[in-house]
Protein backbone atom coordinates (compact mmCIF):
# COMPACT_ATOMS: atom_id res chain seq x y z
CA UNK A 1 119.84 146.71 79.19
CA UNK A 2 118.60 143.12 78.95
CA UNK A 3 120.99 140.67 77.31
CA UNK A 4 120.05 139.91 73.73
CA UNK A 5 118.61 136.47 73.12
CA UNK A 6 120.98 134.38 71.02
CA UNK A 7 119.83 133.70 67.50
CA UNK A 8 118.39 130.25 66.76
CA UNK A 9 121.52 129.11 64.94
CA UNK A 10 123.48 129.79 68.14
CA UNK A 11 121.02 127.82 70.24
CA UNK A 12 121.15 124.48 68.46
CA UNK A 13 123.76 122.36 66.71
CA UNK A 14 122.95 119.38 64.48
CA UNK A 15 122.40 116.27 66.58
CA UNK A 16 125.15 114.45 64.70
CA UNK A 17 127.61 117.13 65.87
CA UNK A 18 126.62 116.75 69.52
CA UNK A 19 126.99 112.97 69.17
CA UNK A 20 130.25 113.24 67.24
CA UNK A 21 131.71 115.53 69.88
CA UNK A 22 130.60 113.12 72.61
CA UNK A 23 132.33 110.17 70.93
CA UNK A 24 135.68 111.90 71.43
CA UNK A 25 135.30 111.56 75.19
CA UNK A 26 134.07 107.99 74.79
CA UNK A 27 137.39 107.29 73.06
CA UNK A 28 139.36 109.02 75.81
CA UNK A 29 137.58 107.19 78.61
CA UNK A 30 138.09 103.73 77.15
CA UNK A 31 141.64 104.19 78.42
CA UNK A 32 141.32 106.91 81.06
CA UNK A 33 138.69 104.99 83.05
CA UNK A 34 140.64 101.77 82.59
CA UNK A 35 143.67 103.49 84.11
CA UNK A 36 141.64 104.86 87.02
CA UNK A 37 139.92 101.56 87.84
CA UNK A 38 142.40 98.88 86.85
CA UNK A 39 145.94 100.21 86.30
CA UNK A 40 147.10 100.18 89.93
CA UNK A 41 145.61 96.71 90.34
CA UNK A 42 147.25 95.55 87.09
CA UNK A 43 150.66 96.79 88.19
CA UNK A 44 150.48 95.36 91.72
CA UNK A 45 148.44 92.14 91.43
CA UNK A 46 148.96 91.11 87.79
CA UNK A 47 152.41 92.33 86.78
CA UNK A 48 153.92 92.24 90.26
CA UNK A 49 155.31 95.75 90.90
CA UNK A 50 155.54 97.01 94.50
CA UNK A 51 152.75 99.50 95.41
CA UNK A 52 155.20 102.15 96.70
CA UNK A 53 157.16 102.08 93.41
CA UNK A 54 153.95 102.55 91.44
CA UNK A 55 152.78 105.38 93.67
CA UNK A 56 156.04 107.24 93.15
CA UNK A 57 155.92 106.59 89.40
CA UNK A 58 152.40 107.98 89.12
CA UNK A 59 153.36 111.14 90.99
CA UNK A 60 156.61 111.81 89.10
CA UNK A 61 155.27 111.11 85.60
CA UNK A 62 151.97 112.94 86.01
CA UNK A 63 153.47 116.09 87.51
CA UNK A 64 156.20 116.19 84.86
CA UNK A 65 153.67 115.59 82.11
CA UNK A 66 151.20 118.11 83.52
CA UNK A 67 153.78 120.85 83.01
CA UNK A 68 153.54 120.23 79.26
CA UNK A 69 149.79 120.95 79.13
CA UNK A 70 150.02 124.78 79.10
CA UNK A 71 152.60 124.58 76.31
CA UNK A 72 150.30 122.34 74.28
CA UNK A 73 147.40 124.71 74.95
CA UNK A 74 149.38 127.71 73.70
CA UNK A 75 150.53 125.66 70.70
CA UNK A 76 146.92 124.80 69.87
CA UNK A 77 145.86 128.46 70.25
CA UNK A 78 148.45 129.33 67.59
CA UNK A 79 147.57 126.52 65.19
CA UNK A 80 146.00 127.63 61.90
CA UNK A 81 144.58 125.00 59.53
CA UNK A 82 141.59 124.67 57.22
CA UNK A 83 140.02 122.48 59.92
CA UNK A 84 140.46 125.09 62.68
CA UNK A 85 142.79 125.33 65.66
CA UNK A 86 141.82 122.31 67.75
CA UNK A 87 140.11 119.68 65.55
CA UNK A 88 143.23 118.66 63.58
CA UNK A 89 144.89 117.31 66.75
CA UNK A 90 142.23 114.58 66.87
CA UNK A 91 143.34 113.51 63.40
CA UNK A 92 147.08 113.79 64.05
CA UNK A 93 147.24 112.05 67.42
CA UNK A 94 144.48 109.40 67.34
CA UNK A 95 146.84 106.59 66.33
CA UNK A 96 149.68 107.50 68.77
CA UNK A 97 147.08 107.68 71.55
CA UNK A 98 145.75 104.21 70.81
CA UNK A 99 149.27 102.81 70.55
CA UNK A 100 150.28 104.35 73.89
CA UNK A 101 147.26 102.84 75.65
CA UNK A 102 148.09 99.38 74.36
CA UNK A 103 151.80 99.59 75.25
CA UNK A 104 150.94 100.24 78.90
CA UNK A 105 149.54 96.71 79.14
CA UNK A 106 151.88 94.98 76.67
CA UNK A 107 153.94 93.79 79.68
CA UNK A 108 157.05 92.14 78.18
CA UNK A 109 159.14 89.71 80.22
CA UNK A 110 161.46 91.92 82.31
CA UNK A 111 163.30 91.99 85.61
CA UNK A 112 161.77 93.83 88.58
CA UNK A 113 163.80 96.95 87.78
CA UNK A 114 163.01 96.61 84.08
CA UNK A 115 159.29 96.53 84.82
CA UNK A 116 159.49 99.79 86.75
CA UNK A 117 161.51 101.43 83.95
CA UNK A 118 159.06 100.18 81.33
CA UNK A 119 156.17 101.53 83.41
CA UNK A 120 157.83 104.98 83.62
CA UNK A 121 158.50 105.14 79.85
CA UNK A 122 155.16 103.83 78.60
CA UNK A 123 153.06 105.72 81.15
CA UNK A 124 154.96 108.93 80.38
CA UNK A 125 154.42 108.45 76.64
CA UNK A 126 150.72 107.71 77.10
CA UNK A 127 150.12 110.75 79.28
CA UNK A 128 151.88 112.98 76.75
CA UNK A 129 149.68 111.59 73.95
CA UNK A 130 146.67 112.13 76.19
CA UNK A 131 147.64 115.80 76.46
CA UNK A 132 148.19 116.25 72.74
CA UNK A 133 144.73 114.94 71.94
CA UNK A 134 142.69 116.00 74.97
CA UNK A 135 143.86 119.59 75.45
CA UNK A 136 142.59 120.47 71.94
CA UNK A 137 139.55 118.21 72.26
CA UNK A 138 138.49 119.88 75.51
CA UNK A 139 139.20 123.32 74.01
CA UNK A 140 136.71 122.58 71.23
CA UNK A 141 133.89 123.04 73.76
CA UNK A 142 134.87 126.70 74.02
CA UNK A 143 134.67 127.29 70.25
CA UNK A 144 131.89 124.96 69.17
CA UNK A 145 129.37 127.79 69.78
CA UNK A 146 129.33 131.32 71.27
CA UNK A 147 126.20 130.45 73.28
CA UNK A 148 126.65 129.26 76.91
CA UNK A 149 123.40 127.29 76.59
CA UNK A 150 124.61 125.44 73.52
CA UNK A 151 127.94 124.71 75.19
CA UNK A 152 126.17 123.35 78.28
CA UNK A 153 124.14 121.07 76.01
CA UNK A 154 127.30 119.97 74.18
CA UNK A 155 128.97 119.32 77.54
CA UNK A 156 126.01 117.20 78.62
CA UNK A 157 126.32 115.13 75.45
CA UNK A 158 130.06 114.92 75.98
CA UNK A 159 129.70 113.44 79.44
CA UNK A 160 127.04 111.01 78.36
CA UNK A 161 129.72 109.83 75.92
CA UNK A 162 132.41 109.94 78.63
CA UNK A 163 130.40 107.93 81.13
CA UNK A 164 129.31 105.65 78.30
CA UNK A 165 132.99 104.89 77.78
CA UNK A 166 133.37 104.36 81.52
CA UNK A 167 130.32 102.08 81.51
CA UNK A 168 131.86 100.05 78.69
CA UNK A 169 135.07 99.76 80.69
CA UNK A 170 133.29 98.65 83.87
CA UNK A 171 131.11 96.15 81.99
CA UNK A 172 133.62 94.78 79.53
CA UNK A 173 137.13 94.80 81.00
CA UNK A 174 136.67 92.04 83.59
CA UNK A 175 134.63 89.77 81.28
CA UNK A 176 136.99 90.39 78.35
CA UNK A 177 140.08 89.74 80.50
CA UNK A 178 138.48 86.53 81.76
CA UNK A 179 137.38 85.43 78.28
CA UNK A 180 140.61 86.33 76.49
CA UNK A 181 142.64 85.06 79.45
CA UNK A 182 141.29 81.50 78.93
CA UNK A 183 138.62 81.54 81.63
CA UNK A 184 138.70 80.65 85.33
CA UNK A 185 140.50 77.87 87.13
CA UNK A 186 138.89 75.68 89.79
CA UNK A 187 139.55 78.37 92.42
CA UNK A 188 137.71 81.04 90.43
CA UNK A 189 140.87 82.88 89.32
CA UNK A 190 141.59 83.96 85.75
CA UNK A 191 144.03 81.48 84.20
CA UNK A 192 146.09 83.93 82.12
CA UNK A 193 145.11 87.36 83.47
CA UNK A 194 148.12 89.12 81.92
CA UNK A 195 147.25 87.85 78.45
CA UNK A 196 143.63 88.87 78.98
CA UNK A 197 144.60 92.46 79.76
CA UNK A 198 146.94 92.61 76.74
CA UNK A 199 144.29 91.51 74.24
CA UNK A 200 141.53 93.61 75.81
CA UNK A 201 143.62 96.77 75.55
CA UNK A 202 144.47 95.98 71.92
CA UNK A 203 140.73 95.98 71.15
CA UNK A 204 140.19 99.22 73.07
CA UNK A 205 143.08 100.85 71.17
CA UNK A 206 141.49 100.18 67.77
CA UNK A 207 138.05 101.37 68.91
CA UNK A 208 139.43 104.59 70.44
CA UNK A 209 141.24 105.52 67.21
CA UNK A 210 138.07 105.04 65.15
CA UNK A 211 135.97 107.12 67.56
CA UNK A 212 138.44 110.03 67.55
CA UNK A 213 138.39 110.08 63.75
CA UNK A 214 134.57 110.18 63.78
CA UNK A 215 134.69 113.07 66.26
CA UNK A 216 137.08 114.96 63.99
CA UNK A 217 134.88 114.43 60.94
CA UNK A 218 131.57 115.52 62.52
CA UNK A 219 132.46 118.70 64.46
CA UNK A 220 133.11 122.34 63.57
CA UNK A 221 134.74 125.38 65.23
CA UNK A 222 132.66 128.60 65.25
CA UNK A 223 134.34 131.00 67.71
CA UNK A 224 137.58 132.78 66.76
CA UNK A 225 139.86 135.14 68.77
CA UNK A 226 139.27 138.90 68.55
CA UNK A 227 140.59 140.39 65.27
CA UNK A 228 144.21 141.47 65.55
CA UNK A 229 144.95 139.45 68.69
CA UNK A 230 148.72 139.02 69.00
CA UNK A 231 150.62 136.18 70.63
CA UNK A 232 152.07 137.09 74.03
CA UNK A 233 153.06 134.14 76.19
CA UNK A 234 153.89 136.19 79.28
CA UNK A 235 150.72 138.24 78.94
CA UNK A 236 148.52 135.18 78.48
CA UNK A 237 149.96 133.43 81.53
CA UNK A 238 149.65 136.60 83.60
CA UNK A 239 146.01 137.02 82.62
CA UNK A 240 145.32 133.37 83.39
CA UNK A 241 146.54 133.68 86.97
CA UNK A 242 144.60 136.95 87.39
CA UNK A 243 141.46 135.14 86.26
CA UNK A 244 139.85 134.33 89.63
CA UNK A 245 137.07 132.10 88.19
CA UNK A 246 139.78 130.01 86.51
CA UNK A 247 141.70 129.63 89.79
CA UNK A 248 138.60 128.32 91.56
CA UNK A 249 137.87 125.92 88.70
CA UNK A 250 141.49 124.74 88.75
CA UNK A 251 141.29 123.81 92.44
CA UNK A 252 137.82 122.28 92.05
CA UNK A 253 139.05 120.09 89.20
CA UNK A 254 142.14 118.95 91.14
CA UNK A 255 140.00 117.92 94.13
CA UNK A 256 137.43 116.32 91.81
CA UNK A 257 139.90 114.07 90.02
CA UNK A 258 141.55 113.20 93.32
CA UNK A 259 138.35 111.87 94.89
CA UNK A 260 137.22 110.14 91.67
CA UNK A 261 140.62 108.47 91.30
CA UNK A 262 140.70 107.34 94.93
CA UNK A 263 137.15 106.00 94.77
CA UNK A 264 137.50 104.15 91.46
CA UNK A 265 140.98 102.84 92.14
CA UNK A 266 140.09 101.46 95.58
CA UNK A 267 136.81 99.80 94.50
CA UNK A 268 138.42 96.65 93.14
CA UNK A 269 140.49 96.28 96.34
CA UNK A 270 137.41 96.86 98.50
CA UNK A 271 135.39 94.14 96.82
CA UNK A 272 138.26 91.70 96.57
CA UNK A 273 139.55 91.98 100.14
CA UNK A 274 136.83 93.61 102.28
CA UNK A 275 133.63 92.34 100.69
CA UNK A 276 135.27 89.01 99.83
CA UNK A 277 134.46 88.85 96.10
CA UNK A 278 135.72 85.56 94.65
CA UNK A 279 135.24 86.48 90.98
CA UNK A 280 132.52 83.84 90.60
CA UNK A 281 129.21 84.64 88.81
CA UNK A 282 126.77 86.95 90.56
CA UNK A 283 124.09 87.14 87.88
CA UNK A 284 122.55 83.94 86.42
CA UNK A 285 124.67 81.87 88.81
CA UNK A 286 122.20 78.97 88.54
CA UNK A 287 123.08 78.45 84.88
CA UNK A 288 125.74 75.74 84.70
CA UNK A 289 127.35 74.55 81.47
CA UNK A 290 124.55 72.06 80.78
CA UNK A 291 121.77 74.60 81.26
CA UNK A 292 123.63 77.20 79.20
CA UNK A 293 123.97 74.76 76.30
CA UNK A 294 120.17 74.40 76.20
CA UNK A 295 119.61 78.12 75.58
CA UNK A 296 119.20 79.68 72.11
CA UNK A 297 122.40 81.21 70.68
CA UNK A 298 121.65 84.85 71.58
CA UNK A 299 120.38 84.01 75.06
CA UNK A 300 123.43 81.85 75.72
CA UNK A 301 125.73 84.70 74.65
CA UNK A 302 123.81 87.22 76.82
CA UNK A 303 123.72 85.03 79.94
CA UNK A 304 127.35 83.95 79.48
CA UNK A 305 128.54 87.56 79.23
CA UNK A 306 126.70 88.68 82.36
CA UNK A 307 127.89 85.64 84.30
CA UNK A 308 131.42 87.04 83.98
CA UNK A 309 130.52 90.15 86.01
CA UNK A 310 131.63 89.93 89.63
CA UNK A 311 130.41 92.17 92.47
CA UNK A 312 133.06 94.82 91.77
CA UNK A 313 132.21 94.96 88.05
CA UNK A 314 128.48 95.31 88.74
CA UNK A 315 129.14 98.00 91.36
CA UNK A 316 131.37 100.03 89.01
CA UNK A 317 129.13 99.52 85.97
CA UNK A 318 125.95 100.55 87.80
CA UNK A 319 127.74 103.68 89.03
CA UNK A 320 128.88 104.57 85.52
CA UNK A 321 125.34 104.06 84.22
CA UNK A 322 123.95 106.40 86.89
CA UNK A 323 126.62 109.00 86.07
CA UNK A 324 125.62 108.78 82.42
CA UNK A 325 121.94 109.11 83.37
CA UNK A 326 122.75 112.15 85.51
CA UNK A 327 124.62 113.78 82.62
CA UNK A 328 121.67 113.07 80.34
CA UNK A 329 119.44 114.99 82.76
CA UNK A 330 121.76 118.02 82.84
CA UNK A 331 119.83 120.07 80.31
CA UNK A 332 116.73 119.81 82.52
CA UNK A 333 118.67 120.72 85.67
CA UNK A 334 120.38 123.67 83.95
CA UNK A 335 117.02 125.19 83.04
CA UNK A 336 115.84 125.34 86.64
CA UNK A 337 119.02 126.24 88.56
CA UNK A 338 122.19 128.30 88.30
CA UNK A 339 125.16 126.14 87.20
CA UNK A 340 127.25 127.20 90.19
CA UNK A 341 124.59 126.48 92.84
CA UNK A 342 123.61 123.24 91.16
CA UNK A 343 127.19 121.96 91.00
CA UNK A 344 127.77 122.76 94.69
CA UNK A 345 124.64 120.95 95.88
CA UNK A 346 125.28 117.88 93.74
CA UNK A 347 128.92 117.67 94.84
CA UNK A 348 127.96 117.68 98.52
CA UNK A 349 125.36 114.97 97.81
CA UNK A 350 128.11 112.82 96.28
CA UNK A 351 130.26 113.37 99.39
CA UNK A 352 127.38 112.24 101.63
CA UNK A 353 127.03 109.09 99.52
CA UNK A 354 130.71 108.24 100.00
CA UNK A 355 130.56 108.88 103.74
CA UNK A 356 127.58 106.55 104.05
CA UNK A 357 129.76 103.59 103.05
CA UNK A 358 131.61 103.88 106.34
CA UNK A 359 128.32 102.89 108.06
CA UNK A 360 126.85 100.40 105.55
CA UNK A 361 127.59 96.76 106.53
CA UNK A 362 130.24 95.32 104.22
CA UNK A 363 127.98 92.40 103.30
CA UNK A 364 124.90 94.52 102.45
CA UNK A 365 125.48 94.65 98.70
CA UNK A 366 122.01 95.94 97.84
CA UNK A 367 122.34 98.99 100.07
CA UNK A 368 125.84 99.62 98.70
CA UNK A 369 124.46 99.63 95.15
CA UNK A 370 121.66 102.02 96.14
CA UNK A 371 124.00 104.49 97.88
CA UNK A 372 126.43 104.35 94.99
CA UNK A 373 123.63 104.93 92.48
CA UNK A 374 122.59 108.11 94.30
CA UNK A 375 126.14 109.47 94.57
CA UNK A 376 126.97 108.59 90.96
CA UNK A 377 123.77 110.18 89.63
CA UNK A 378 124.74 113.41 91.41
CA UNK A 379 128.33 113.19 90.16
CA UNK A 380 127.34 112.91 86.50
CA UNK A 381 125.95 116.44 86.01
CA UNK A 382 128.70 118.09 88.07
CA UNK A 383 131.40 116.80 85.70
CA UNK A 384 129.57 118.17 82.67
CA UNK A 385 128.80 121.44 84.48
CA UNK A 386 132.45 122.00 85.37
CA UNK A 387 133.56 121.67 81.76
CA UNK A 388 130.80 123.99 80.56
CA UNK A 389 131.92 126.47 83.23
CA UNK A 390 135.44 126.38 81.80
CA UNK A 391 134.01 127.73 78.54
CA UNK A 392 132.42 130.54 80.57
CA UNK A 393 135.85 131.17 82.11
CA UNK A 394 137.34 131.53 78.60
CA UNK A 395 134.60 134.05 77.78
CA UNK A 396 135.35 135.90 81.02
CA UNK A 397 139.04 136.13 80.08
CA UNK A 398 138.21 137.62 76.67
CA UNK A 399 135.65 139.99 78.26
CA UNK A 400 137.99 141.23 81.01
CA UNK A 401 141.39 141.22 79.29
CA UNK A 402 140.49 141.52 75.59
CA UNK A 403 142.29 138.29 74.73
CA UNK A 404 140.83 134.83 74.08
CA UNK A 405 143.10 131.94 75.10
CA UNK A 406 140.73 128.99 74.90
CA UNK A 407 143.48 126.42 74.46
CA UNK A 408 145.43 127.72 77.45
CA UNK A 409 142.32 127.77 79.67
CA UNK A 410 141.49 124.18 78.81
CA UNK A 411 145.16 123.14 78.98
CA UNK A 412 145.09 124.35 82.56
CA UNK A 413 142.03 122.17 83.11
CA UNK A 414 143.98 119.17 81.80
CA UNK A 415 146.78 120.20 84.18
CA UNK A 416 144.21 119.95 86.96
CA UNK A 417 143.15 116.51 85.76
CA UNK A 418 146.75 115.33 85.66
CA UNK A 419 147.44 116.81 89.10
CA UNK A 420 144.29 115.29 90.59
CA UNK A 421 144.93 111.87 89.10
CA UNK A 422 148.57 112.16 90.18
CA UNK A 423 147.43 112.84 93.73
CA UNK A 424 145.04 109.86 93.65
CA UNK A 425 147.61 107.65 91.93
CA UNK A 426 150.16 108.60 94.57
CA UNK A 427 147.86 108.41 97.57
CA UNK A 428 146.20 105.06 96.91
CA UNK A 429 149.33 102.88 96.57
CA UNK A 430 151.04 104.70 99.44
CA UNK A 431 148.01 104.35 101.72
CA UNK A 432 147.97 100.65 100.87
CA UNK A 433 151.70 100.39 101.61
CA UNK A 434 151.47 102.37 104.89
CA UNK A 435 148.61 100.19 106.13
CA UNK A 436 150.50 96.99 105.30
CA UNK A 437 148.74 95.80 102.13
CA UNK A 438 150.21 92.61 100.56
CA UNK A 439 149.01 91.62 97.08
CA UNK A 440 146.98 88.41 96.65
CA UNK A 441 147.10 87.52 100.36
CA UNK A 442 144.70 87.63 103.30
CA UNK A 443 144.89 91.22 104.53
CA UNK A 444 145.60 92.33 108.09
CA UNK A 445 143.08 94.44 110.02
CA UNK A 446 145.24 97.51 109.37
CA UNK A 447 145.32 96.82 105.62
CA UNK A 448 141.53 96.40 105.59
CA UNK A 449 141.19 99.74 107.38
CA UNK A 450 143.41 101.42 104.77
CA UNK A 451 141.32 100.01 101.92
CA UNK A 452 138.05 101.11 103.59
CA UNK A 453 139.35 104.65 104.21
CA UNK A 454 140.54 104.92 100.60
CA UNK A 455 137.06 103.89 99.46
CA UNK A 456 134.97 106.06 101.81
CA UNK A 457 136.18 108.95 103.97
CA UNK A 458 139.27 109.99 102.00
CA UNK A 459 137.40 110.55 98.69
CA UNK A 460 134.51 112.18 100.60
CA UNK A 461 136.92 114.73 102.10
CA UNK A 462 138.20 115.74 98.67
CA UNK A 463 134.61 115.95 97.38
CA UNK A 464 133.82 118.45 100.15
CA UNK A 465 136.87 120.52 99.17
CA UNK A 466 135.65 120.56 95.58
CA UNK A 467 132.26 121.82 96.74
CA UNK A 468 133.89 124.66 98.66
CA UNK A 469 135.86 125.79 95.58
CA UNK A 470 132.71 125.74 93.45
CA UNK A 471 130.93 127.83 96.10
CA UNK A 472 133.66 130.45 95.77
CA UNK A 473 133.40 130.48 91.96
CA UNK A 474 132.02 133.96 91.13
CA UNK A 475 130.31 133.62 87.71
CA UNK A 476 126.57 133.50 88.31
CA UNK A 477 124.03 132.91 85.55
CA UNK A 478 123.29 136.64 85.34
CA UNK A 479 127.00 137.48 85.02
CA UNK A 480 127.50 134.87 82.28
CA UNK A 481 124.54 136.27 80.34
CA UNK A 482 125.97 139.79 80.64
CA UNK A 483 129.38 138.62 79.37
CA UNK A 484 127.74 136.78 76.44
CA UNK A 485 125.80 139.89 75.40
CA UNK A 486 128.86 142.18 75.72
CA UNK A 487 131.07 139.85 73.68
CA UNK A 488 128.41 139.52 71.01
CA UNK A 489 128.23 143.31 70.71
CA UNK A 490 132.05 143.59 70.53
CA UNK A 491 132.29 140.96 67.79
CA UNK A 492 129.53 142.62 65.81
CA UNK A 493 131.28 145.99 66.07
CA UNK A 494 134.65 144.52 65.09
CA UNK A 495 133.24 142.71 62.05
CA UNK A 496 130.26 144.75 60.84
CA UNK A 497 130.21 143.13 57.45
CA UNK A 498 129.96 139.69 58.96
CA UNK A 499 127.22 140.83 61.32
CA UNK A 500 125.04 142.01 58.42
CA UNK A 501 125.20 138.75 56.49
């Protein structure tokens, strides 16, 4: 029997709901992308903590915190409010999340040991707040609609919002830190870089809280567990580990966040020490103070802002823009190819892009931008596809085991994110330490090699591993359509009165 075509109300959500859902990931990425791109650099080069101590801290805190994600997922699955199971967490934890992000960069005057202790406490608190708001937020994708097509569209919007947040980070953090840190000295260095980071993160904290509240107010939950489903922690965990599609997605997500973290975290080191970025203007460099003063107000503001972008900022920002563009094109890609096959091909293309940097001359900035644009464009849809596939995994669990544990499935995905970022956060500082990196000094040949490997071949290897896991993922488009039709029939049979209205 052919799967029934979903009704029109299952196919489309109001545009404001797609946008509102996307703004939640914009809020998350104002901090998450800042951590991935700048936090290691902030700790080592700005606040003066040893790379090895930071690497250990990242690993310990993230693995400890990741163990809380399944508990939060099961808690969210059992939450009952007039707003649903998952939405209220956006309301309850928006302010603690913003506060935690700011405290990471508050950087009080402390001894060397005190700085490490402060980093452990504030990073641990922030990651816990991230779990409390992002496990439920991610789970919302599984209940926003029963239609896989609608969820894929919502996921595409979500990652446009996510990469939009990343684009804002890559475009704004360096200029804001420079501006709020009292500008550059005669050597091209930011005068008060610590102060610049503190004030920038205070602004991001306020914006992230507002965006989470908008996301809460504009979204709705539409999928509920089967009638009569009873809580069974042991049973839910057992079913999760017997869910082979989930296991493949778990490993794919771990490898994905590892290579993204390595790539983003090493970019600022690559351009500072390998490329030789001085922090001086790249765009509109011919405009000195006298020429700027002759421009109209808006033009002066525009040119002045873009003058603050160095090579690293432009590289990261252009990549984020291409990721966002790729996510925007997902709906078109999804209509012409199976999600699994598409995600595998795009992931391998991203790996090829990273490998190419090992052969591109370090001074050929134009070719570097082009290769990064290609790899980033391919990365954008794969991120959105993976999260849409998690919703299919939740459907598969309900179809196979008769129990829907959306929160637990997505909590496990957050566990993968924490584990992947922990791996990247551990690997990057330790690779730097092993190869002899010394902050704010001319690097040895070995240190340069470590930075280059962290930026090219190491992330490419993890991208290949992600592609292999996605190839082993068993839910084809035909299988997903069959599961959707079967679940629709079950729900209609369990609630006949609802089906007739």
